[in-house]
Amino acid sequence: MDVLSLALRFTLGNEGGYSDNPADPGGATNHGIIQRNLDKWNGAHPELGFPGHVRDLTQAQAEAIYRSEYWRWDGITAPTVAIKLFDIGVNAGPSTAVKLLQKALNALQGHWLEVDGRLGPMTIATANTQDADALLEAICVAQADYYRAIVERNPSQSVFIKGWLKRAALKPEVPNAMGAE
């Protein structure tokens, strides 16, 4: 199984099925895809015939969107790190995932990378020189801090904090044959 397939399994396990929590500013979601993103996808790919309402989105259709719009981690050599970043990108946006990676790298390296949300060659090279377990732990810390900051700015989001912190603590596992460290 390739890293993206493992990432999809990990993330879909975290996302679950259809939800329309009134406290969620993203609105209705299914398999982690929000209505706004499905509408954007359908506008760009009407030929695929995806449903108009996210409630009717299949897991296979969500996976197609993830493969096209969310997977950008091929340059990261540690599979566990790539999977974690993909999961964060699905939950908080790909740019936020990159920012959390950059913050984690700065925590390990001494604050020298610009936290700009762009996955450039310096960010990738720096990530690939780190111990995978240490980097994964630093990403988990940055992710938890990110969620706490959301609640600090908007206390109405505290209904999600327990689940968010649980998700932040989750570390993907990969088969040893894939080079897991």
N, C-alpha and C. Protein backbone atom coordinates (compact mmCIF):
# COMPACT_ATOMS: atom_id res chain seq x y z
N MET A 1 0.86 -1.18 0.00
CA MET A 1 0.00 0.00 0.00
C MET A 1 0.89 1.24 0.00
N ASP A 2 0.55 2.22 -0.83
CA ASP A 2 1.36 3.43 -0.92
C ASP A 2 1.00 4.40 0.23
N VAL A 3 1.81 5.43 0.37
CA VAL A 3 1.64 6.38 1.48
C VAL A 3 0.30 7.11 1.37
N LEU A 4 -0.10 7.50 0.18
CA LEU A 4 -1.37 8.19 0.03
C LEU A 4 -2.53 7.29 0.45
N SER A 5 -2.49 6.03 0.10
CA SER A 5 -3.56 5.11 0.51
C SER A 5 -3.62 4.99 2.03
N LEU A 6 -2.45 4.93 2.67
CA LEU A 6 -2.41 4.89 4.13
C LEU A 6 -2.95 6.20 4.72
N ALA A 7 -2.61 7.31 4.07
CA ALA A 7 -3.08 8.62 4.54
C ALA A 7 -4.60 8.70 4.43
N LEU A 8 -5.14 8.22 3.34
CA LEU A 8 -6.59 8.24 3.17
C LEU A 8 -7.27 7.39 4.25
N ARG A 9 -6.73 6.23 4.52
CA ARG A 9 -7.31 5.36 5.54
C ARG A 9 -7.26 6.05 6.91
N PHE A 10 -6.12 6.64 7.25
CA PHE A 10 -5.95 7.33 8.53
C PHE A 10 -6.93 8.49 8.66
N THR A 11 -6.99 9.31 7.63
CA THR A 11 -7.82 10.52 7.68
C THR A 11 -9.31 10.18 7.64
N LEU A 12 -9.71 9.27 6.79
CA LEU A 12 -11.13 8.90 6.73
C LEU A 12 -11.58 8.28 8.04
N GLY A 13 -10.68 7.61 8.74
CA GLY A 13 -10.99 7.09 10.08
C GLY A 13 -11.21 8.21 11.08
N ASN A 14 -10.55 9.32 10.88
CA ASN A 14 -10.72 10.49 11.76
C ASN A 14 -11.95 11.30 11.40
N GLU A 15 -12.29 11.35 10.13
CA GLU A 15 -13.36 12.22 9.67
C GLU A 15 -14.76 11.64 9.84
N GLY A 16 -14.93 10.38 9.57
CA GLY A 16 -16.26 9.79 9.68
C GLY A 16 -17.16 10.20 8.53
N GLY A 17 -18.46 10.03 8.73
CA GLY A 17 -19.43 10.28 7.67
C GLY A 17 -20.04 11.67 7.76
N TYR A 18 -21.31 11.74 7.42
CA TYR A 18 -22.01 13.01 7.31
C TYR A 18 -22.22 13.65 8.68
N SER A 19 -22.01 14.97 8.73
CA SER A 19 -22.23 15.74 9.95
C SER A 19 -22.66 17.15 9.55
N ASP A 20 -23.57 17.69 10.33
CA ASP A 20 -23.99 19.08 10.11
C ASP A 20 -24.20 19.73 11.47
N ASN A 21 -23.09 19.92 12.18
CA ASN A 21 -23.12 20.51 13.51
C ASN A 21 -23.27 22.02 13.37
N PRO A 22 -24.30 22.61 13.99
CA PRO A 22 -24.50 24.06 13.86
C PRO A 22 -23.33 24.90 14.39
N ALA A 23 -22.52 24.33 15.27
CA ALA A 23 -21.37 25.07 15.80
C ALA A 23 -20.17 25.05 14.85
N ASP A 24 -20.22 24.21 13.84
CA ASP A 24 -19.09 24.08 12.91
C ASP A 24 -19.19 25.17 11.84
N PRO A 25 -18.22 26.10 11.82
CA PRO A 25 -18.28 27.17 10.83
C PRO A 25 -18.13 26.67 9.39
N GLY A 26 -17.61 25.47 9.22
CA GLY A 26 -17.49 24.89 7.88
C GLY A 26 -18.81 24.36 7.34
N GLY A 27 -19.79 24.20 8.23
CA GLY A 27 -21.09 23.70 7.82
C GLY A 27 -21.09 22.20 7.64
N ALA A 28 -22.01 21.73 6.82
CA ALA A 28 -22.18 20.30 6.59
C ALA A 28 -20.90 19.71 5.99
N THR A 29 -20.56 18.51 6.47
CA THR A 29 -19.40 17.79 5.95
C THR A 29 -19.76 16.32 5.76
N ASN A 30 -19.04 15.67 4.88
CA ASN A 30 -19.17 14.23 4.70
C ASN A 30 -17.80 13.72 4.30
N HIS A 31 -17.31 12.74 5.04
CA HIS A 31 -15.97 12.20 4.82
C HIS A 31 -14.93 13.31 4.86
N GLY A 32 -15.22 14.39 5.62
CA GLY A 32 -14.29 15.50 5.75
C GLY A 32 -14.40 16.57 4.69
N ILE A 33 -15.22 16.38 3.70
CA ILE A 33 -15.40 17.37 2.64
C ILE A 33 -16.55 18.29 3.02
N ILE A 34 -16.30 19.60 3.02
CA ILE A 34 -17.36 20.55 3.34
C ILE A 34 -18.10 20.93 2.06
N GLN A 35 -19.32 21.42 2.24
CA GLN A 35 -20.17 21.77 1.10
C GLN A 35 -19.48 22.77 0.17
N ARG A 36 -18.83 23.78 0.75
CA ARG A 36 -18.16 24.80 -0.06
C ARG A 36 -17.09 24.18 -0.97
N ASN A 37 -16.34 23.20 -0.45
CA ASN A 37 -15.31 22.55 -1.27
C ASN A 37 -15.93 21.65 -2.33
N LEU A 38 -17.04 20.99 -2.00
CA LEU A 38 -17.72 20.18 -3.01
C LEU A 38 -18.26 21.07 -4.13
N ASP A 39 -18.82 22.23 -3.76
CA ASP A 39 -19.32 23.15 -4.78
C ASP A 39 -18.19 23.62 -5.70
N LYS A 40 -17.05 23.93 -5.10
CA LYS A 40 -15.88 24.35 -5.90
C LYS A 40 -15.44 23.22 -6.83
N TRP A 41 -15.38 22.01 -6.30
CA TRP A 41 -14.99 20.84 -7.09
C TRP A 41 -15.96 20.64 -8.26
N ASN A 42 -17.25 20.70 -7.95
CA ASN A 42 -18.26 20.49 -9.00
C ASN A 42 -18.18 21.58 -10.07
N GLY A 43 -17.83 22.80 -9.67
CA GLY A 43 -17.66 23.87 -10.65
C GLY A 43 -16.49 23.62 -11.58
N ALA A 44 -15.43 23.04 -11.03
CA ALA A 44 -14.23 22.76 -11.83
C ALA A 44 -14.33 21.45 -12.60
N HIS A 45 -15.15 20.52 -12.11
CA HIS A 45 -15.22 19.19 -12.72
C HIS A 45 -16.66 18.72 -12.90
N PRO A 46 -17.48 19.49 -13.61
CA PRO A 46 -18.88 19.08 -13.77
C PRO A 46 -19.03 17.74 -14.51
N GLU A 47 -18.04 17.41 -15.32
CA GLU A 47 -18.10 16.17 -16.09
C GLU A 47 -18.07 14.91 -15.22
N LEU A 48 -17.65 15.05 -13.95
CA LEU A 48 -17.56 13.88 -13.08
C LEU A 48 -18.89 13.51 -12.43
N GLY A 49 -19.84 14.43 -12.45
CA GLY A 49 -21.17 14.12 -11.94
C GLY A 49 -21.26 13.85 -10.46
N PHE A 50 -20.43 14.52 -9.68
CA PHE A 50 -20.51 14.37 -8.24
C PHE A 50 -21.82 14.97 -7.75
N PRO A 51 -22.34 14.53 -6.60
CA PRO A 51 -23.62 15.05 -6.12
C PRO A 51 -23.55 16.53 -5.78
N GLY A 52 -24.71 17.17 -5.78
CA GLY A 52 -24.78 18.59 -5.45
C GLY A 52 -24.72 18.85 -3.97
N HIS A 53 -25.15 17.90 -3.16
CA HIS A 53 -25.13 18.08 -1.70
C HIS A 53 -24.11 17.13 -1.09
N VAL A 54 -23.31 17.66 -0.19
CA VAL A 54 -22.25 16.89 0.44
C VAL A 54 -22.79 15.65 1.16
N ARG A 55 -24.03 15.70 1.60
CA ARG A 55 -24.66 14.56 2.29
C ARG A 55 -24.60 13.31 1.41
N ASP A 56 -24.66 13.50 0.10
CA ASP A 56 -24.73 12.38 -0.84
C ASP A 56 -23.36 11.96 -1.39
N LEU A 57 -22.31 12.59 -0.93
CA LEU A 57 -20.96 12.28 -1.40
C LEU A 57 -20.53 10.90 -0.92
N THR A 58 -20.02 10.08 -1.81
CA THR A 58 -19.52 8.77 -1.42
C THR A 58 -18.07 8.88 -0.93
N GLN A 59 -17.63 7.86 -0.25
CA GLN A 59 -16.24 7.85 0.20
C GLN A 59 -15.29 7.86 -0.98
N ALA A 60 -15.60 7.12 -2.03
CA ALA A 60 -14.74 7.10 -3.23
C ALA A 60 -14.64 8.48 -3.86
N GLN A 61 -15.74 9.22 -3.86
CA GLN A 61 -15.71 10.58 -4.42
C GLN A 61 -14.88 11.50 -3.53
N ALA A 62 -15.02 11.36 -2.20
CA ALA A 62 -14.19 12.14 -1.28
C ALA A 62 -12.72 11.84 -1.51
N GLU A 63 -12.39 10.57 -1.71
CA GLU A 63 -11.00 10.18 -1.96
C GLU A 63 -10.47 10.83 -3.24
N ALA A 64 -11.30 10.92 -4.25
CA ALA A 64 -10.87 11.56 -5.51
C ALA A 64 -10.54 13.03 -5.27
N ILE A 65 -11.36 13.70 -4.48
CA ILE A 65 -11.09 15.11 -4.15
C ILE A 65 -9.80 15.21 -3.35
N TYR A 66 -9.63 14.34 -2.37
CA TYR A 66 -8.41 14.38 -1.55
C TYR A 66 -7.16 14.16 -2.39
N ARG A 67 -7.21 13.18 -3.28
CA ARG A 67 -6.05 12.89 -4.12
C ARG A 67 -5.66 14.11 -4.97
N SER A 68 -6.65 14.80 -5.48
CA SER A 68 -6.41 15.92 -6.38
C SER A 68 -6.09 17.22 -5.65
N GLU A 69 -6.81 17.50 -4.58
CA GLU A 69 -6.75 18.81 -3.94
C GLU A 69 -5.95 18.89 -2.64
N TYR A 70 -5.71 17.76 -1.98
CA TYR A 70 -5.11 17.80 -0.65
C TYR A 70 -3.76 17.09 -0.53
N TRP A 71 -3.48 16.16 -1.43
CA TRP A 71 -2.21 15.43 -1.31
C TRP A 71 -1.11 16.24 -1.97
N ARG A 72 -0.13 16.66 -1.19
CA ARG A 72 1.03 17.38 -1.71
C ARG A 72 2.30 17.02 -0.96
N TRP A 73 2.32 15.82 -0.43
CA TRP A 73 3.37 15.46 0.52
C TRP A 73 4.37 14.44 -0.03
N ASP A 74 4.43 14.25 -1.34
CA ASP A 74 5.35 13.28 -1.92
C ASP A 74 6.81 13.60 -1.60
N GLY A 75 7.14 14.87 -1.41
CA GLY A 75 8.52 15.24 -1.12
C GLY A 75 8.96 14.94 0.30
N ILE A 76 8.04 14.63 1.18
CA ILE A 76 8.37 14.30 2.57
C ILE A 76 8.72 12.83 2.64
N THR A 77 9.94 12.51 3.06
CA THR A 77 10.40 11.13 3.01
C THR A 77 9.88 10.25 4.13
N ALA A 78 9.54 10.80 5.28
CA ALA A 78 9.02 9.99 6.39
C ALA A 78 7.51 9.79 6.19
N PRO A 79 7.08 8.57 5.92
CA PRO A 79 5.65 8.34 5.67
C PRO A 79 4.74 8.81 6.81
N THR A 80 5.16 8.59 8.05
CA THR A 80 4.31 9.00 9.17
C THR A 80 4.10 10.51 9.18
N VAL A 81 5.13 11.26 8.85
CA VAL A 81 5.03 12.72 8.81
C VAL A 81 4.12 13.16 7.66
N ALA A 82 4.28 12.55 6.49
CA ALA A 82 3.45 12.89 5.34
C ALA A 82 1.98 12.61 5.63
N ILE A 83 1.70 11.48 6.25
CA ILE A 83 0.32 11.11 6.58
C ILE A 83 -0.27 12.09 7.58
N LYS A 84 0.49 12.44 8.60
CA LYS A 84 0.00 13.38 9.61
C LYS A 84 -0.29 14.74 8.97
N LEU A 85 0.59 15.21 8.10
CA LEU A 85 0.39 16.49 7.44
C LEU A 85 -0.84 16.47 6.54
N PHE A 86 -1.05 15.37 5.84
CA PHE A 86 -2.24 15.22 5.02
C PHE A 86 -3.49 15.33 5.89
N ASP A 87 -3.49 14.64 7.01
CA ASP A 87 -4.64 14.66 7.92
C ASP A 87 -4.92 16.07 8.44
N ILE A 88 -3.88 16.78 8.80
CA ILE A 88 -4.05 18.17 9.24
C ILE A 88 -4.60 19.02 8.10
N GLY A 89 -4.09 18.81 6.90
CA GLY A 89 -4.56 19.57 5.75
C GLY A 89 -6.03 19.36 5.47
N VAL A 90 -6.50 18.14 5.63
CA VAL A 90 -7.92 17.86 5.45
C VAL A 90 -8.73 18.57 6.53
N ASN A 91 -8.26 18.54 7.75
CA ASN A 91 -9.01 19.11 8.87
C ASN A 91 -8.93 20.62 8.93
N ALA A 92 -7.78 21.19 8.60
CA ALA A 92 -7.57 22.63 8.83
C ALA A 92 -7.13 23.38 7.57
N GLY A 93 -6.94 22.68 6.48
CA GLY A 93 -6.50 23.29 5.24
C GLY A 93 -5.03 23.00 4.98
N PRO A 94 -4.66 22.74 3.72
CA PRO A 94 -3.27 22.42 3.39
C PRO A 94 -2.27 23.50 3.80
N SER A 95 -2.62 24.75 3.66
CA SER A 95 -1.71 25.83 4.05
C SER A 95 -1.45 25.80 5.56
N THR A 96 -2.48 25.51 6.33
CA THR A 96 -2.30 25.41 7.78
C THR A 96 -1.40 24.24 8.11
N ALA A 97 -1.54 23.13 7.40
CA ALA A 97 -0.67 21.98 7.63
C ALA A 97 0.80 22.36 7.41
N VAL A 98 1.06 23.12 6.35
CA VAL A 98 2.43 23.55 6.07
C VAL A 98 2.92 24.49 7.18
N LYS A 99 2.07 25.41 7.61
CA LYS A 99 2.46 26.32 8.69
C LYS A 99 2.78 25.56 9.97
N LEU A 100 2.00 24.54 10.28
CA LEU A 100 2.28 23.75 11.48
C LEU A 100 3.57 22.96 11.33
N LEU A 101 3.85 22.47 10.12
CA LEU A 101 5.13 21.83 9.85
C LEU A 101 6.26 22.82 10.06
N GLN A 102 6.12 24.02 9.53
CA GLN A 102 7.17 25.03 9.68
C GLN A 102 7.36 25.42 11.15
N LYS A 103 6.28 25.53 11.90
CA LYS A 103 6.40 25.83 13.33
C LYS A 103 7.10 24.68 14.05
N ALA A 104 6.76 23.45 13.71
CA ALA A 104 7.40 22.29 14.33
C ALA A 104 8.90 22.26 14.00
N LEU A 105 9.23 22.54 12.75
CA LEU A 105 10.65 22.58 12.37
C LEU A 105 11.38 23.68 13.12
N ASN A 106 10.74 24.83 13.26
CA ASN A 106 11.37 25.92 14.01
C ASN A 106 11.56 25.55 15.47
N ALA A 107 10.62 24.81 16.04
CA ALA A 107 10.76 24.37 17.43
C ALA A 107 11.95 23.43 17.57
N LEU A 108 12.20 22.63 16.55
CA LEU A 108 13.33 21.69 16.59
C LEU A 108 14.64 22.35 16.20
N GLN A 109 14.58 23.36 15.32
CA GLN A 109 15.78 23.95 14.73
C GLN A 109 16.18 25.32 15.28
N GLY A 110 15.30 25.98 15.99
CA GLY A 110 15.65 27.28 16.53
C GLY A 110 15.11 28.46 15.76
N HIS A 111 13.93 28.37 15.22
CA HIS A 111 13.20 29.50 14.62
C HIS A 111 13.95 30.20 13.49
N TRP A 112 14.13 29.52 12.39
CA TRP A 112 14.75 30.18 11.26
C TRP A 112 13.96 30.07 9.96
N LEU A 113 12.97 29.18 9.91
CA LEU A 113 12.14 29.09 8.72
C LEU A 113 11.00 30.10 8.80
N GLU A 114 10.70 30.72 7.68
CA GLU A 114 9.54 31.61 7.63
C GLU A 114 8.28 30.74 7.66
N VAL A 115 7.35 31.09 8.52
CA VAL A 115 6.09 30.38 8.63
C VAL A 115 5.10 31.06 7.67
N ASP A 116 5.12 30.57 6.42
CA ASP A 116 4.34 31.23 5.37
C ASP A 116 3.30 30.32 4.73
N GLY A 117 3.26 29.05 5.13
CA GLY A 117 2.28 28.14 4.57
C GLY A 117 2.60 27.63 3.18
N ARG A 118 3.80 27.92 2.69
CA ARG A 118 4.22 27.43 1.36
C ARG A 118 5.19 26.27 1.53
N LEU A 119 4.91 25.20 0.86
CA LEU A 119 5.75 24.01 0.95
C LEU A 119 6.87 24.10 -0.08
N GLY A 120 7.86 24.92 0.24
CA GLY A 120 8.97 25.13 -0.67
C GLY A 120 10.11 24.17 -0.41
N PRO A 121 11.17 24.27 -1.22
CA PRO A 121 12.29 23.34 -1.12
C PRO A 121 13.01 23.41 0.22
N MET A 122 13.07 24.58 0.85
CA MET A 122 13.74 24.69 2.15
C MET A 122 12.94 23.97 3.24
N THR A 123 11.64 24.12 3.22
CA THR A 123 10.80 23.44 4.20
C THR A 123 10.91 21.93 4.02
N ILE A 124 10.83 21.47 2.78
CA ILE A 124 10.92 20.03 2.52
C ILE A 124 12.29 19.48 2.92
N ALA A 125 13.35 20.16 2.52
CA ALA A 125 14.70 19.69 2.85
C ALA A 125 14.92 19.65 4.36
N THR A 126 14.45 20.68 5.05
CA THR A 126 14.62 20.72 6.50
C THR A 126 13.82 19.59 7.14
N ALA A 127 12.61 19.36 6.68
CA ALA A 127 11.79 18.27 7.23
C ALA A 127 12.47 16.92 7.04
N ASN A 128 13.08 16.74 5.88
CA ASN A 128 13.69 15.45 5.56
C ASN A 128 15.01 15.20 6.28
N THR A 129 15.56 16.21 6.93
CA THR A 129 16.79 16.00 7.70
C THR A 129 16.51 15.72 9.17
N GLN A 130 15.24 15.80 9.56
CA GLN A 130 14.88 15.60 10.98
C GLN A 130 14.64 14.13 11.28
N ASP A 131 14.82 13.78 12.54
CA ASP A 131 14.38 12.48 13.02
C ASP A 131 12.86 12.44 12.90
N ALA A 132 12.33 11.43 12.23
CA ALA A 132 10.90 11.37 11.94
C ALA A 132 10.05 11.38 13.21
N ASP A 133 10.47 10.64 14.22
CA ASP A 133 9.68 10.59 15.46
C ASP A 133 9.67 11.93 16.17
N ALA A 134 10.80 12.60 16.20
CA ALA A 134 10.87 13.92 16.85
C ALA A 134 10.04 14.94 16.08
N LEU A 135 10.10 14.89 14.76
CA LEU A 135 9.32 15.82 13.95
C LEU A 135 7.83 15.54 14.11
N LEU A 136 7.45 14.28 14.10
CA LEU A 136 6.05 13.93 14.27
C LEU A 136 5.53 14.44 15.61
N GLU A 137 6.30 14.27 16.66
CA GLU A 137 5.90 14.76 17.99
C GLU A 137 5.76 16.28 17.98
N ALA A 138 6.70 16.98 17.36
CA ALA A 138 6.63 18.44 17.30
C ALA A 138 5.41 18.90 16.50
N ILE A 139 5.06 18.18 15.45
CA ILE A 139 3.86 18.51 14.67
C ILE A 139 2.62 18.31 15.53
N CYS A 140 2.57 17.23 16.29
CA CYS A 140 1.42 16.98 17.17
C CYS A 140 1.26 18.12 18.18
N VAL A 141 2.36 18.61 18.72
CA VAL A 141 2.31 19.73 19.68
C VAL A 141 1.81 20.99 18.98
N ALA A 142 2.34 21.27 17.80
CA ALA A 142 1.91 22.46 17.06
C ALA A 142 0.43 22.37 16.70
N GLN A 143 -0.03 21.18 16.36
CA GLN A 143 -1.45 21.00 16.01
C GLN A 143 -2.33 21.24 17.25
N ALA A 144 -1.95 20.71 18.38
CA ALA A 144 -2.72 20.94 19.60
C ALA A 144 -2.75 22.42 19.96
N ASP A 145 -1.61 23.09 19.83
CA ASP A 145 -1.56 24.54 20.08
C ASP A 145 -2.48 25.30 19.13
N TYR A 146 -2.52 24.87 17.88
CA TYR A 146 -3.39 25.50 16.89
C TYR A 146 -4.85 25.41 17.32
N TYR A 147 -5.27 24.23 17.74
CA TYR A 147 -6.66 24.05 18.17
C TYR A 147 -6.97 24.87 19.42
N ARG A 148 -6.05 24.89 20.36
CA ARG A 148 -6.27 25.69 21.58
C ARG A 148 -6.41 27.18 21.23
N ALA A 149 -5.65 27.64 20.27
CA ALA A 149 -5.73 29.04 19.85
C ALA A 149 -7.08 29.34 19.21
N ILE A 150 -7.63 28.39 18.47
CA ILE A 150 -8.97 28.59 17.89
C ILE A 150 -9.98 28.82 19.00
N VAL A 151 -9.93 27.99 20.03
CA VAL A 151 -10.89 28.10 21.13
C VAL A 151 -10.66 29.38 21.92
N GLU A 152 -9.41 29.77 22.05
CA GLU A 152 -9.10 31.02 22.76
C GLU A 152 -9.71 32.22 22.02
N ARG A 153 -9.61 32.20 20.70
CA ARG A 153 -10.18 33.29 19.89
C ARG A 153 -11.70 33.22 19.81
N ASN A 154 -12.23 32.02 19.83
CA ASN A 154 -13.66 31.84 19.66
C ASN A 154 -14.14 30.73 20.60
N PRO A 155 -14.51 31.07 21.83
CA PRO A 155 -14.91 30.07 22.83
C PRO A 155 -16.07 29.17 22.40
N SER A 156 -16.87 29.59 21.43
CA SER A 156 -17.96 28.73 20.98
C SER A 156 -17.43 27.43 20.36
N GLN A 157 -16.17 27.45 19.95
CA GLN A 157 -15.57 26.26 19.34
C GLN A 157 -15.08 25.25 20.37
N SER A 158 -15.24 25.57 21.65
CA SER A 158 -14.79 24.65 22.70
C SER A 158 -15.52 23.31 22.66
N VAL A 159 -16.68 23.26 22.00
CA VAL A 159 -17.40 21.99 21.88
C VAL A 159 -16.58 20.97 21.09
N PHE A 160 -15.62 21.43 20.32
CA PHE A 160 -14.81 20.54 19.49
C PHE A 160 -13.45 20.20 20.09
N ILE A 161 -13.05 20.89 21.15
CA ILE A 161 -11.65 20.79 21.61
C ILE A 161 -11.25 19.38 22.02
N LYS A 162 -12.10 18.65 22.69
CA LYS A 162 -11.73 17.30 23.13
C LYS A 162 -11.38 16.42 21.92
N GLY A 163 -12.24 16.45 20.90
CA GLY A 163 -11.97 15.67 19.70
C GLY A 163 -10.75 16.17 18.94
N TRP A 164 -10.60 17.49 18.87
CA TRP A 164 -9.43 18.05 18.19
C TRP A 164 -8.13 17.64 18.86
N LEU A 165 -8.10 17.71 20.18
CA LEU A 165 -6.87 17.35 20.90
C LEU A 165 -6.58 15.85 20.77
N LYS A 166 -7.63 15.06 20.73
CA LYS A 166 -7.44 13.62 20.50
C LYS A 166 -6.83 13.40 19.12
N ARG A 167 -7.34 14.12 18.13
CA ARG A 167 -6.82 14.00 16.77
C ARG A 167 -5.38 14.48 16.71
N ALA A 168 -5.07 15.58 17.39
CA ALA A 168 -3.70 16.10 17.38
C ALA A 168 -2.72 15.09 17.95
N ALA A 169 -3.15 14.31 18.92
CA ALA A 169 -2.26 13.33 19.56
C ALA A 169 -2.07 12.06 18.73
N LEU A 170 -2.95 11.81 17.77
CA LEU A 170 -2.87 10.60 16.96
C LEU A 170 -1.64 10.62 16.06
N LYS A 171 -0.94 9.50 16.06
CA LYS A 171 0.23 9.34 15.21
C LYS A 171 0.00 8.16 14.28
N PRO A 172 0.14 8.39 13.00
CA PRO A 172 -0.08 7.29 12.05
C PRO A 172 0.99 6.21 12.20
N GLU A 173 0.57 5.01 11.90
CA GLU A 173 1.51 3.89 11.87
C GLU A 173 1.62 3.40 10.44
N VAL A 174 2.82 3.03 10.06
CA VAL A 174 3.04 2.52 8.71
C VAL A 174 3.82 1.22 8.81
N PRO A 175 3.64 0.33 7.84
CA PRO A 175 4.40 -0.93 7.84
C PRO A 175 5.90 -0.66 7.77
N ASN A 176 6.68 -1.46 8.44
CA ASN A 176 8.14 -1.28 8.44
C ASN A 176 8.73 -1.34 7.04
N ALA A 177 8.10 -2.06 6.15
CA ALA A 177 8.60 -2.17 4.78
C ALA A 177 8.57 -0.83 4.05
N MET A 178 7.78 0.12 4.56
CA MET A 178 7.69 1.44 3.92
C MET A 178 8.74 2.39 4.46
N GLY A 179 9.59 1.95 5.34
CA GLY A 179 10.64 2.82 5.85
C GLY A 179 10.22 3.60 7.07
N ALA A 180 9.23 3.11 7.79
CA ALA A 180 8.83 3.79 9.03
C ALA A 180 9.99 3.80 10.00
N GLU A 181 10.14 4.92 10.63
CA GLU A 181 11.26 5.04 11.57
C GLU A 181 10.74 4.95 12.98
